[in-house]
Amino acid sequence: MDDVAGWPPRWLTEVPLVDQMRGDGELYANFAEAVCRVTKDSVASPAGKLLELRGWQKELLKHILARREDGRFRHRTALVGMSRKNGKSALAASMGLAGLTVGGNGSEIYSCAADRDQARIVFGTAKRMIDLDEELSSMFTLYRDAIEFKDKGSVYRVLSAEAYSKEGLNPSPLVIFDEVHAQPSWELWNVLSLAGGARADSLLLGITTAGVKTQSNGQDSLCYSLYQYGQQVVKGEKKDPSFFFSWWEPTQPEADHRDESLWQEANPGYDDLLDKEEMQSAVLRTPEAEFRTKRLNCFVNTSVAWLPTGAWEALKDTDRFPEPGEEVILAFDGAFSNDSTALVMWLLGGEKPHLMVVGLWERPDDAEQGWHIPVAEVEQTIVDTFRDERFNVKEIVFDPARWQRTFMVLDEEGLPVVSYPNSAANMVPATQKFYEAVVNKSFTHDGDERLARHVANCVTKQSSRGVMVAKASSRRKVDAAVASIFGYDRATQPAEPPAPVARFFSIQV
């Protein structure tokens, strides 16, 4: 149906109309609109209002849930790709509740993902839908990781990624596999594919945005492999009627990502579920690689430049110097052996924060085998900077993972050390904040060529939580850039009264 806004997607498995008509798509849609409610206020609808499915969503349900002449699901596996903020979680949650309600006795519905927190997103949306509707609340019993429909002996559960523990599952009619792009291996996908083999109706539904094409080992990622297989099915190169594939993306994926026509092609809910102004803002504050994967639903290579061309150079200010007694934050990132170690300073007293390099220790080209970072020199530089009367050092922040001795030494000296583990939980939002600050020219730097080199060496790295920076190769150092990122995060924290510095590891972020 080409007259439905947002439909069809660029890639779509052909499904006979007769199979659509005798399938469960209309049943699931009617269920969603009768009892499932919006869980969060949005541009399209306030929280608490009954869902109003769009035409493209109803078409998608009819295609996914089509049935053969013998009454069984036409598809055993489905992969649906759409960009963020197009109502993916709400639609998937309503499907889970519909399957639990209208499925046969003893139904087993599962929400799963690369980690339990991600798996709980769709599941949590389903639980909230139950809370918001009196009829649903009367039918189901809620637990932390399960929804039970006792009248039918059916259950809807959350699964995490430990595939070895999933043997013996008997899912029917539906497994919802969220954000397939974040799954690091085939193990869980394969276990769940096999688990449904004993049930007449068992559909493994992957709903995801795009991600990276290849993993760190050079192999195609799970999601990209399924994406390529889906294309082959659509083109007729593979004969597999049990595999359904629908994927929204631009017809010219390599075109300028700032072109609004690409946004419309990749987002079926554009200017409806997805606010046009929000997209206009996102394209300015989001790294290109992340915008392409999450907003245009296009796969990217693992090594993609992080900052827009010329953005870093535009922040250079060689006339900015510390004022006497100016508040500063020191940020430190390092390693012991063949890597590099960086100490940077954020000046906080001016109109904008200003970034300077205090010290950078890198392996010399003519270094002998076994060269190591001069730890004592690094420690002394930190202490000397702290004691320098020109500065009022508020914090010395670094990841202590490989520098525990230094952390303890500085702590014992009474220096205001702050532990900042370089985990995805910390670095993903810090990286986003730093990127936005660069694009919006929210700080300046001293133009240090070594720092510029480390920034230029940064490429994007996709984690389950979002985008981080990484080095393209072991020879390209990024430590000064990483220190700048988490230093900026600490430098721009709300001006709350600082907690007193306690002893070793007592301050955690």
Protein backbone atom coordinates (compact mmCIF):
# COMPACT_ATOMS: atom_id res chain seq x y z
CA MET A 1 0.00 0.00 0.00
CA ASP A 2 1.95 2.96 -1.32
CA ASP A 3 -0.68 5.45 -0.23
CA VAL A 4 0.10 4.94 3.48
CA ALA A 5 2.47 7.59 4.90
CA GLY A 6 5.82 6.05 5.87
CA TRP A 7 5.09 2.83 3.99
CA PRO A 8 6.66 0.83 2.45
CA PRO A 9 10.21 0.80 3.85
CA ARG A 10 13.13 0.66 1.44
CA TRP A 11 13.54 -3.09 2.02
CA LEU A 12 10.44 -5.24 2.44
CA THR A 13 9.82 -8.96 2.11
CA GLU A 14 6.90 -9.65 -0.20
CA VAL A 15 4.02 -11.22 1.72
CA PRO A 16 0.93 -12.45 -0.14
CA LEU A 17 -2.15 -10.42 0.67
CA VAL A 18 -4.11 -13.57 1.48
CA ASP A 19 -1.54 -14.50 4.15
CA GLN A 20 -1.79 -11.00 5.59
CA MET A 21 -5.59 -11.20 5.73
CA ARG A 22 -5.69 -14.48 7.64
CA GLY A 23 -2.85 -13.45 9.95
CA ASP A 24 -2.94 -11.81 13.39
CA GLY A 25 -1.90 -8.32 12.37
CA GLU A 26 -5.35 -6.78 12.61
CA LEU A 27 -6.02 -8.62 15.89
CA TYR A 28 -2.82 -7.27 17.45
CA ALA A 29 -3.55 -3.77 16.18
CA ASN A 30 -7.07 -3.79 17.59
CA PHE A 31 -5.75 -5.02 20.94
CA ALA A 32 -3.15 -2.24 21.05
CA GLU A 33 -5.66 0.50 20.32
CA ALA A 34 -8.26 -0.91 22.74
CA VAL A 35 -6.21 -1.26 25.94
CA CYS A 36 -2.57 -0.18 25.44
CA ARG A 37 -1.72 3.35 26.46
CA VAL A 38 1.03 5.84 25.78
CA THR A 39 3.55 5.59 28.62
CA LYS A 40 5.42 8.88 28.16
CA ASP A 41 4.44 12.34 27.02
CA SER A 42 5.54 12.92 23.44
CA VAL A 43 4.99 15.30 20.54
CA ALA A 44 2.38 12.89 19.21
CA SER A 45 0.38 12.13 22.34
CA PRO A 46 0.25 12.68 26.11
CA ALA A 47 0.92 9.84 28.53
CA GLY A 48 -2.15 7.80 29.45
CA LYS A 49 -3.92 8.17 26.11
CA LEU A 50 -4.81 5.01 24.22
CA LEU A 51 -2.38 4.12 21.47
CA GLU A 52 -3.37 5.25 18.01
CA LEU A 53 -1.39 3.14 15.58
CA ARG A 54 -0.31 4.74 12.33
CA GLY A 55 -1.10 3.15 8.98
CA TRP A 56 2.49 2.04 8.47
CA GLN A 57 2.50 0.34 11.89
CA LYS A 58 -0.65 -1.61 11.03
CA GLU A 59 0.85 -2.64 7.69
CA LEU A 60 3.98 -3.80 9.48
CA LEU A 61 1.95 -5.92 11.91
CA LYS A 62 0.00 -7.51 9.06
CA HIS A 63 3.22 -8.41 7.27
CA ILE A 64 5.04 -9.75 10.35
CA LEU A 65 2.11 -11.79 11.67
CA ALA A 66 0.90 -13.26 8.40
CA ARG A 67 -0.30 -16.88 8.41
CA ARG A 68 -0.04 -19.67 5.85
CA GLU A 69 -2.95 -21.69 4.53
CA ASP A 70 -2.34 -24.32 7.23
CA GLY A 71 -2.86 -21.67 9.94
CA ARG A 72 0.74 -21.44 11.11
CA PHE A 73 2.82 -18.24 11.13
CA ARG A 74 4.35 -17.63 7.73
CA HIS A 75 7.57 -16.40 9.36
CA ARG A 76 9.76 -17.97 12.04
CA THR A 77 12.26 -15.11 12.07
CA ALA A 78 11.75 -11.39 11.45
CA LEU A 79 14.18 -8.46 11.41
CA VAL A 80 12.74 -4.94 11.51
CA GLY A 81 15.07 -1.96 11.27
CA MET A 82 13.94 1.59 12.01
CA SER A 83 15.53 4.71 13.40
CA ARG A 84 15.11 5.93 16.95
CA LYS A 85 12.01 7.75 18.17
CA ASN A 86 9.60 6.11 15.74
CA GLY A 87 7.56 4.32 18.40
CA LYS A 88 9.51 1.06 18.23
CA SER A 89 9.38 0.24 21.95
CA ALA A 90 5.67 1.01 22.32
CA LEU A 91 4.77 -1.11 19.29
CA ALA A 92 6.92 -4.02 20.49
CA ALA A 93 5.48 -3.81 24.01
CA SER A 94 1.92 -3.90 22.69
CA MET A 95 2.84 -6.96 20.60
CA GLY A 96 4.18 -8.72 23.69
CA LEU A 97 1.00 -8.04 25.66
CA ALA A 98 -1.20 -9.04 22.72
CA GLY A 99 0.70 -12.31 22.32
CA LEU A 100 0.32 -12.99 26.02
CA THR A 101 -3.42 -12.30 25.87
CA VAL A 102 -4.61 -13.78 22.58
CA GLY A 103 -1.96 -16.48 22.26
CA GLY A 104 -2.71 -20.05 23.24
CA ASN A 105 -2.69 -21.46 26.75
CA GLY A 106 0.79 -21.73 28.20
CA SER A 107 2.24 -18.97 26.03
CA GLU A 108 5.81 -17.91 26.75
CA ILE A 109 6.74 -14.39 25.63
CA TYR A 110 10.30 -13.09 26.05
CA SER A 111 12.03 -9.72 25.81
CA CYS A 112 15.76 -10.03 25.37
CA ALA A 113 18.75 -7.94 24.37
CA ALA A 114 22.52 -7.75 24.75
CA ASP A 115 22.10 -6.91 28.43
CA ARG A 116 19.28 -7.06 30.92
CA ASP A 117 18.92 -3.28 31.18
CA GLN A 118 18.29 -3.01 27.45
CA ALA A 119 15.89 -5.97 27.55
CA ARG A 120 13.89 -4.24 30.26
CA ILE A 121 13.13 -1.24 28.02
CA VAL A 122 10.42 -2.97 25.97
CA PHE A 123 9.38 -5.10 28.94
CA GLY A 124 9.20 -2.05 31.21
CA THR A 125 7.03 -0.28 28.65
CA ALA A 126 4.67 -3.26 28.71
CA LYS A 127 4.48 -3.17 32.51
CA ARG A 128 3.73 0.55 32.44
CA MET A 129 0.93 -0.06 29.91
CA ILE A 130 -0.61 -2.51 32.38
CA ASP A 131 -0.35 0.00 35.22
CA LEU A 132 -2.11 2.64 33.13
CA ASP A 133 -5.09 0.51 32.09
CA GLU A 134 -7.68 -0.83 34.51
CA GLU A 135 -8.65 -3.79 32.32
CA LEU A 136 -5.06 -4.94 31.82
CA SER A 137 -4.29 -4.48 35.52
CA SER A 138 -7.12 -6.83 36.41
CA MET A 139 -5.81 -9.54 34.08
CA PHE A 140 -2.10 -9.70 34.87
CA THR A 141 0.14 -10.19 37.89
CA LEU A 142 3.34 -8.18 37.78
CA TYR A 143 6.75 -9.22 39.06
CA ARG A 144 10.14 -7.58 38.69
CA ASP A 145 11.09 -9.56 35.58
CA ALA A 146 7.84 -11.29 34.68
CA ILE A 147 4.21 -10.66 33.77
CA GLU A 148 1.89 -13.56 34.52
CA PHE A 149 -1.50 -14.31 32.99
CA LYS A 150 -2.70 -16.96 35.40
CA ASP A 151 -6.01 -17.68 33.66
CA LYS A 152 -4.10 -19.08 30.69
CA GLY A 153 -0.94 -20.24 32.42
CA SER A 154 1.04 -17.79 30.29
CA VAL A 155 4.04 -15.62 31.15
CA TYR A 156 6.07 -12.75 29.67
CA ARG A 157 9.70 -12.63 30.90
CA VAL A 158 12.92 -10.66 30.54
CA LEU A 159 16.04 -12.48 29.36
CA SER A 160 19.65 -11.32 29.43
CA ALA A 161 22.43 -12.42 27.13
CA GLU A 162 23.86 -15.45 28.98
CA ALA A 163 22.85 -17.88 26.26
CA TYR A 164 24.15 -20.92 28.04
CA SER A 165 21.32 -20.60 30.55
CA LYS A 166 18.57 -20.35 27.93
CA GLU A 167 18.48 -24.00 26.91
CA GLY A 168 15.10 -25.52 27.58
CA LEU A 169 13.07 -22.42 26.72
CA ASN A 170 9.86 -23.02 24.80
CA PRO A 171 8.82 -19.61 23.45
CA SER A 172 5.45 -19.04 21.79
CA PRO A 173 4.14 -17.03 20.07
CA LEU A 174 6.78 -14.33 20.29
CA VAL A 175 10.36 -13.46 21.30
CA ILE A 176 11.17 -9.74 21.08
CA PHE A 177 14.89 -9.23 20.55
CA ASP A 178 15.63 -5.55 21.08
CA GLU A 179 18.59 -3.65 19.54
CA VAL A 180 20.14 -6.60 17.72
CA HIS A 181 23.00 -4.34 16.63
CA ALA A 182 24.41 -4.41 20.19
CA GLN A 183 24.54 -8.23 20.40
CA PRO A 184 28.23 -9.23 20.36
CA SER A 185 27.80 -12.78 19.03
CA TRP A 186 25.38 -15.22 17.43
CA GLU A 187 25.03 -17.36 20.56
CA LEU A 188 21.83 -15.98 22.07
CA TRP A 189 20.19 -15.44 18.67
CA ASN A 190 20.88 -19.05 17.70
CA VAL A 191 19.65 -20.45 21.02
CA LEU A 192 16.37 -18.56 20.73
CA SER A 193 15.96 -19.54 17.08
CA LEU A 194 16.25 -23.21 18.00
CA ALA A 195 14.13 -22.86 21.15
CA GLY A 196 10.97 -22.09 19.22
CA GLY A 197 11.25 -25.09 16.95
CA ALA A 198 8.94 -27.27 19.04
CA ARG A 199 6.01 -24.80 19.01
CA ALA A 200 3.57 -24.39 16.13
CA ASP A 201 3.62 -20.63 16.55
CA SER A 202 6.99 -19.20 17.52
CA LEU A 203 8.35 -16.01 16.01
CA LEU A 204 11.77 -14.52 16.81
CA LEU A 205 11.35 -10.80 16.16
CA GLY A 206 14.45 -8.63 16.08
CA ILE A 207 13.75 -4.88 16.24
CA THR A 208 16.78 -2.65 15.97
CA THR A 209 18.58 0.36 14.63
CA ALA A 210 21.67 -0.06 12.51
CA GLY A 211 25.17 -0.30 13.98
CA VAL A 212 28.65 -1.17 12.80
CA LYS A 213 29.35 -3.52 9.91
CA THR A 214 32.24 -5.38 11.48
CA GLN A 215 33.27 -6.38 14.98
CA SER A 216 36.71 -5.92 16.51
CA ASN A 217 37.72 -9.37 15.23
CA GLY A 218 37.03 -8.31 11.65
CA GLN A 219 33.94 -10.50 11.31
CA ASP A 220 30.61 -9.12 10.14
CA SER A 221 28.43 -8.24 13.10
CA LEU A 222 25.33 -10.32 13.82
CA CYS A 223 23.00 -7.47 12.85
CA TYR A 224 24.83 -6.64 9.63
CA SER A 225 24.87 -10.30 8.65
CA LEU A 226 21.10 -10.55 9.15
CA TYR A 227 20.64 -7.27 7.28
CA GLN A 228 22.59 -8.62 4.31
CA TYR A 229 20.62 -11.88 4.40
CA GLY A 230 17.36 -9.92 4.45
CA GLN A 231 18.43 -7.98 1.36
CA GLN A 232 19.14 -11.26 -0.43
CA VAL A 233 15.68 -12.56 0.49
CA VAL A 234 14.00 -9.37 -0.75
CA LYS A 235 15.98 -9.48 -4.02
CA GLY A 236 15.08 -13.14 -4.55
CA GLU A 237 18.69 -14.28 -4.26
CA LYS A 238 17.72 -16.45 -1.28
CA LYS A 239 14.53 -18.48 -1.11
CA ASP A 240 13.45 -18.35 2.52
CA PRO A 241 9.73 -17.65 3.09
CA SER A 242 10.24 -18.14 6.84
CA PHE A 243 12.41 -14.99 7.07
CA PHE A 244 10.74 -11.58 7.11
CA PHE A 245 12.75 -8.41 6.55
CA SER A 246 11.71 -4.77 6.66
CA TRP A 247 14.21 -1.94 6.89
CA TRP A 248 13.81 1.82 6.66
CA GLU A 249 16.85 3.67 5.33
CA PRO A 250 17.61 6.29 2.66
CA THR A 251 17.72 5.19 -0.95
CA GLN A 252 21.15 6.84 -1.07
CA PRO A 253 22.72 5.94 2.30
CA GLU A 254 26.04 7.68 1.51
CA ALA A 255 24.44 11.04 0.74
CA ASP A 256 24.87 14.11 2.96
CA HIS A 257 23.37 13.17 6.33
CA ARG A 258 22.13 16.74 6.79
CA ASP A 259 19.72 16.39 3.85
CA GLU A 260 16.15 16.40 5.21
CA SER A 261 14.93 14.14 2.39
CA LEU A 262 17.06 11.36 3.87
CA TRP A 263 15.45 11.90 7.25
CA GLN A 264 11.99 11.38 5.76
CA GLU A 265 13.01 8.15 4.01
CA ALA A 266 14.61 6.65 7.12
CA ASN A 267 11.90 7.62 9.59
CA PRO A 268 8.33 6.43 8.94
CA GLY A 269 7.11 8.59 11.82
CA TYR A 270 8.87 11.76 10.62
CA ASP A 271 7.06 14.98 11.50
CA ASP A 272 4.54 12.92 13.47
CA LEU A 273 5.90 10.57 16.12
CA LEU A 274 9.30 12.13 15.47
CA ASP A 275 9.51 15.89 15.80
CA LYS A 276 11.12 17.66 12.85
CA GLU A 277 12.76 20.27 15.08
CA GLU A 278 14.28 17.56 17.25
CA MET A 279 15.96 16.10 14.16
CA GLN A 280 17.25 19.53 13.18
CA SER A 281 18.80 19.84 16.62
CA ALA A 282 20.15 16.27 16.63
CA VAL A 283 22.07 16.68 13.38
CA LEU A 284 24.00 19.59 14.94
CA ARG A 285 24.92 17.89 18.22
CA THR A 286 25.38 14.25 17.21
CA PRO A 287 28.55 12.74 15.69
CA GLU A 288 27.98 11.88 12.06
CA ALA A 289 28.51 8.14 12.57
CA GLU A 290 25.96 8.00 15.37
CA PHE A 291 23.49 10.12 13.41
CA ARG A 292 23.79 7.77 10.44
CA THR A 293 23.25 4.63 12.53
CA LYS A 294 20.57 5.87 14.94
CA ARG A 295 18.76 8.53 12.88
CA LEU A 296 19.20 7.28 9.30
CA ASN A 297 19.41 3.58 10.16
CA CYS A 298 22.54 3.07 8.04
CA PHE A 299 25.41 0.75 8.90
CA VAL A 300 28.86 2.32 9.27
CA ASN A 301 32.40 1.07 9.44
CA THR A 302 33.99 0.74 12.86
CA SER A 303 36.59 3.43 12.18
CA VAL A 304 34.72 6.66 11.51
CA ALA A 305 36.06 10.14 12.19
CA TRP A 306 34.64 11.60 15.36
CA LEU A 307 34.54 15.40 15.01
CA PRO A 308 33.37 17.39 11.98
CA THR A 309 36.12 18.78 9.79
CA GLY A 310 37.49 22.06 11.11
CA ALA A 311 35.47 21.98 14.35
CA TRP A 312 38.48 21.51 16.65
CA GLU A 313 40.58 24.18 14.96
CA ALA A 314 37.75 26.69 15.41
CA LEU A 315 38.13 26.50 19.21
CA LYS A 316 41.78 27.61 19.28
CA ASP A 317 42.57 30.59 21.54
CA THR A 318 46.27 31.26 22.13
CA ASP A 319 45.64 34.47 24.10
CA ARG A 320 43.94 32.82 27.07
CA PHE A 321 46.14 32.32 30.14
CA PRO A 322 45.38 31.40 33.75
CA GLU A 323 44.45 34.23 36.07
CA PRO A 324 46.18 34.23 39.48
CA GLY A 325 44.38 31.79 41.77
CA GLU A 326 41.98 30.68 39.02
CA GLU A 327 39.97 27.54 39.73
CA VAL A 328 41.07 24.61 37.59
CA ILE A 329 40.44 20.90 37.17
CA LEU A 330 43.25 18.51 36.28
CA ALA A 331 42.39 15.42 34.25
CA PHE A 332 44.75 12.53 33.79
CA ASP A 333 44.64 9.46 31.52
CA GLY A 334 47.48 7.06 31.09
CA ALA A 335 49.15 3.71 30.75
CA PHE A 336 52.48 2.28 31.81
CA SER A 337 54.20 0.78 28.79
CA ASN A 338 54.00 1.51 25.09
CA ASP A 339 51.00 3.77 25.24
CA SER A 340 50.90 7.41 26.26
CA THR A 341 49.92 9.36 29.34
CA ALA A 342 48.34 12.81 29.35
CA LEU A 343 47.68 15.49 31.96
CA VAL A 344 45.39 18.33 30.92
CA MET A 345 44.00 21.35 32.73
CA TRP A 346 40.60 23.00 32.48
CA LEU A 347 40.54 26.70 33.41
CA LEU A 348 37.17 27.60 34.89
CA GLY A 349 37.34 31.33 35.59
CA GLY A 350 36.66 32.81 32.16
CA GLU A 351 33.58 33.25 30.01
CA LYS A 352 34.12 29.72 28.71
CA PRO A 353 36.14 26.80 30.06
CA HIS A 354 39.61 26.70 28.51
CA LEU A 355 41.67 23.56 27.90
CA MET A 356 45.46 23.39 28.23
CA VAL A 357 48.00 20.58 28.09
CA VAL A 358 50.15 20.30 31.23
CA GLY A 359 52.12 17.21 30.31
CA LEU A 360 52.17 14.48 27.68
CA TRP A 361 54.43 11.45 27.90
CA GLU A 362 54.72 9.31 24.76
CA ARG A 363 57.08 6.56 23.69
CA PRO A 364 59.95 8.14 21.70
CA ASP A 365 60.54 6.81 18.20
CA ASP A 366 64.04 5.65 19.20
CA ALA A 367 62.98 4.11 22.53
CA GLU A 368 64.48 0.79 23.51
CA GLN A 369 62.48 -2.38 24.03
CA GLY A 370 60.62 -2.32 27.32
CA TRP A 371 60.25 1.46 27.53
CA HIS A 372 57.81 2.57 30.24
CA ILE A 373 56.06 5.75 31.20
CA PRO A 374 58.19 7.65 33.80
CA VAL A 375 55.67 7.22 36.61
CA ALA A 376 57.62 9.21 39.20
CA GLU A 377 57.93 12.14 36.81
CA VAL A 378 54.19 12.04 36.09
CA GLU A 379 53.37 11.99 39.80
CA GLN A 380 55.73 14.86 40.52
CA THR A 381 54.21 16.93 37.71
CA ILE A 382 50.75 16.47 39.21
CA VAL A 383 51.97 17.42 42.70
CA ASP A 384 53.90 20.46 41.41
CA THR A 385 50.89 21.70 39.47
CA PHE A 386 48.66 21.31 42.51
CA ARG A 387 51.11 23.30 44.65
CA ASP A 388 51.58 26.03 42.03
CA GLU A 389 50.14 29.20 43.56
CA ARG A 390 48.84 30.31 40.17
CA PHE A 391 46.15 27.65 40.35
CA ASN A 392 43.34 26.68 42.66
CA VAL A 393 43.00 22.98 41.85
CA LYS A 394 39.46 21.83 42.66
CA GLU A 395 39.90 18.22 41.49
CA ILE A 396 42.41 15.82 40.04
CA VAL A 397 40.29 13.35 38.14
CA PHE A 398 41.45 10.13 36.49
CA ASP A 399 40.74 6.47 35.92
CA PRO A 400 42.72 4.63 38.61
CA ALA A 401 42.45 1.21 36.94
CA ARG A 402 46.16 0.97 36.04
CA TRP A 403 47.38 3.75 38.33
CA GLN A 404 46.22 2.63 41.75
CA ARG A 405 49.59 3.35 43.35
CA THR A 406 49.54 6.91 42.01
CA PHE A 407 45.99 7.39 43.20
CA MET A 408 47.01 6.29 46.67
CA VAL A 409 50.13 8.47 46.68
CA LEU A 410 48.19 11.57 45.71
CA ASP A 411 45.43 10.76 48.15
CA GLU A 412 47.91 10.39 51.00
CA GLU A 413 49.39 13.77 50.04
CA GLY A 414 45.97 15.29 50.62
CA LEU A 415 45.32 16.11 46.98
CA PRO A 416 41.65 16.24 45.82
CA VAL A 417 41.69 13.05 43.74
CA VAL A 418 38.48 11.88 42.10
CA SER A 419 38.03 8.41 40.64
CA TYR A 420 36.48 8.42 37.16
CA PRO A 421 36.34 4.88 35.76
CA ASN A 422 36.45 4.98 31.96
CA SER A 423 33.39 2.75 31.65
CA ALA A 424 30.70 3.07 29.00
CA ALA A 425 28.28 4.27 31.69
CA ASN A 426 30.53 7.28 32.30
CA MET A 427 32.15 7.85 28.92
CA VAL A 428 29.12 7.64 26.62
CA PRO A 429 27.31 10.66 28.12
CA ALA A 430 30.63 12.47 28.67
CA THR A 431 31.57 11.96 25.02
CA GLN A 432 28.17 13.24 23.88
CA LYS A 433 28.51 16.31 26.10
CA PHE A 434 32.01 17.02 24.78
CA TYR A 435 30.93 16.62 21.15
CA GLU A 436 28.05 19.07 21.63
CA ALA A 437 30.43 21.51 23.30
CA VAL A 438 32.80 21.34 20.32
CA VAL A 439 30.05 21.86 17.78
CA ASN A 440 28.49 24.69 19.81
CA LYS A 441 31.90 26.29 20.56
CA SER A 442 31.26 26.09 24.30
CA PHE A 443 34.96 26.05 25.26
CA THR A 444 38.37 27.01 23.91
CA HIS A 445 41.79 25.33 23.90
CA ASP A 446 45.42 26.42 23.67
CA GLY A 447 46.08 25.01 20.21
CA ASP A 448 48.57 22.40 21.42
CA GLU A 449 49.53 20.35 18.36
CA ARG A 450 49.93 17.17 20.41
CA LEU A 451 46.40 17.48 21.75
CA ALA A 452 45.11 18.18 18.23
CA ARG A 453 46.83 15.00 17.04
CA HIS A 454 45.20 12.91 19.80
CA VAL A 455 41.79 14.41 19.00
CA ALA A 456 42.29 13.71 15.29
CA ASN A 457 43.18 10.09 16.12
CA CYS A 458 39.78 9.52 17.73
CA VAL A 459 37.24 7.40 15.91
CA THR A 460 33.80 6.39 17.09
CA LYS A 461 33.25 3.15 18.94
CA GLN A 462 29.75 1.80 19.32
CA SER A 463 28.93 0.28 22.72
CA SER A 464 25.63 -1.10 23.98
CA ARG A 465 25.11 2.25 25.74
CA GLY A 466 26.06 4.50 22.82
CA VAL A 467 29.06 6.12 21.17
CA MET A 468 32.51 6.38 22.76
CA VAL A 469 35.86 7.32 21.26
CA ALA A 470 38.63 4.88 20.53
CA LYS A 471 41.88 4.83 18.60
CA ALA A 472 41.91 3.56 15.05
CA SER A 473 45.12 1.61 15.70
CA SER A 474 47.52 0.96 18.57
CA ARG A 475 50.00 3.49 17.19
CA ARG A 476 47.51 6.34 17.24
CA LYS A 477 47.29 7.72 20.75
CA VAL A 478 44.13 9.31 22.13
CA ASP A 479 44.91 9.70 25.85
CA ALA A 480 44.96 13.51 25.80
CA ALA A 481 41.56 13.53 24.10
CA VAL A 482 40.09 11.04 26.60
CA ALA A 483 41.42 13.07 29.55
CA SER A 484 39.89 16.20 27.99
CA ILE A 485 36.50 14.49 27.64
CA PHE A 486 36.06 13.33 31.21
CA GLY A 487 37.80 16.46 32.52
CA TYR A 488 35.19 18.57 30.73
CA ASP A 489 32.44 16.42 32.21
CA ARG A 490 33.71 17.18 35.72
CA ALA A 491 34.44 20.83 34.87
CA THR A 492 30.84 21.42 33.80
CA GLN A 493 29.07 19.70 36.69
CA PRO A 494 26.45 21.88 38.43
CA ALA A 495 27.94 24.21 41.01
CA GLU A 496 27.04 22.20 44.09
CA PRO A 497 29.00 22.47 47.32
CA PRO A 498 31.82 19.94 46.78
CA ALA A 499 31.90 16.90 49.02
CA PRO A 500 34.95 16.74 51.25
CA VAL A 501 37.72 14.65 49.78
CA ALA A 502 37.91 11.42 51.70
CA ARG A 503 40.54 8.77 51.42
CA PHE A 504 41.24 6.32 48.65
CA PHE A 505 38.35 5.68 46.23
CA SER A 506 35.88 7.46 48.46
CA ILE A 507 34.77 9.76 45.68
CA GLN A 508 33.25 7.90 42.75
CA VAL A 509 31.53 9.26 39.65
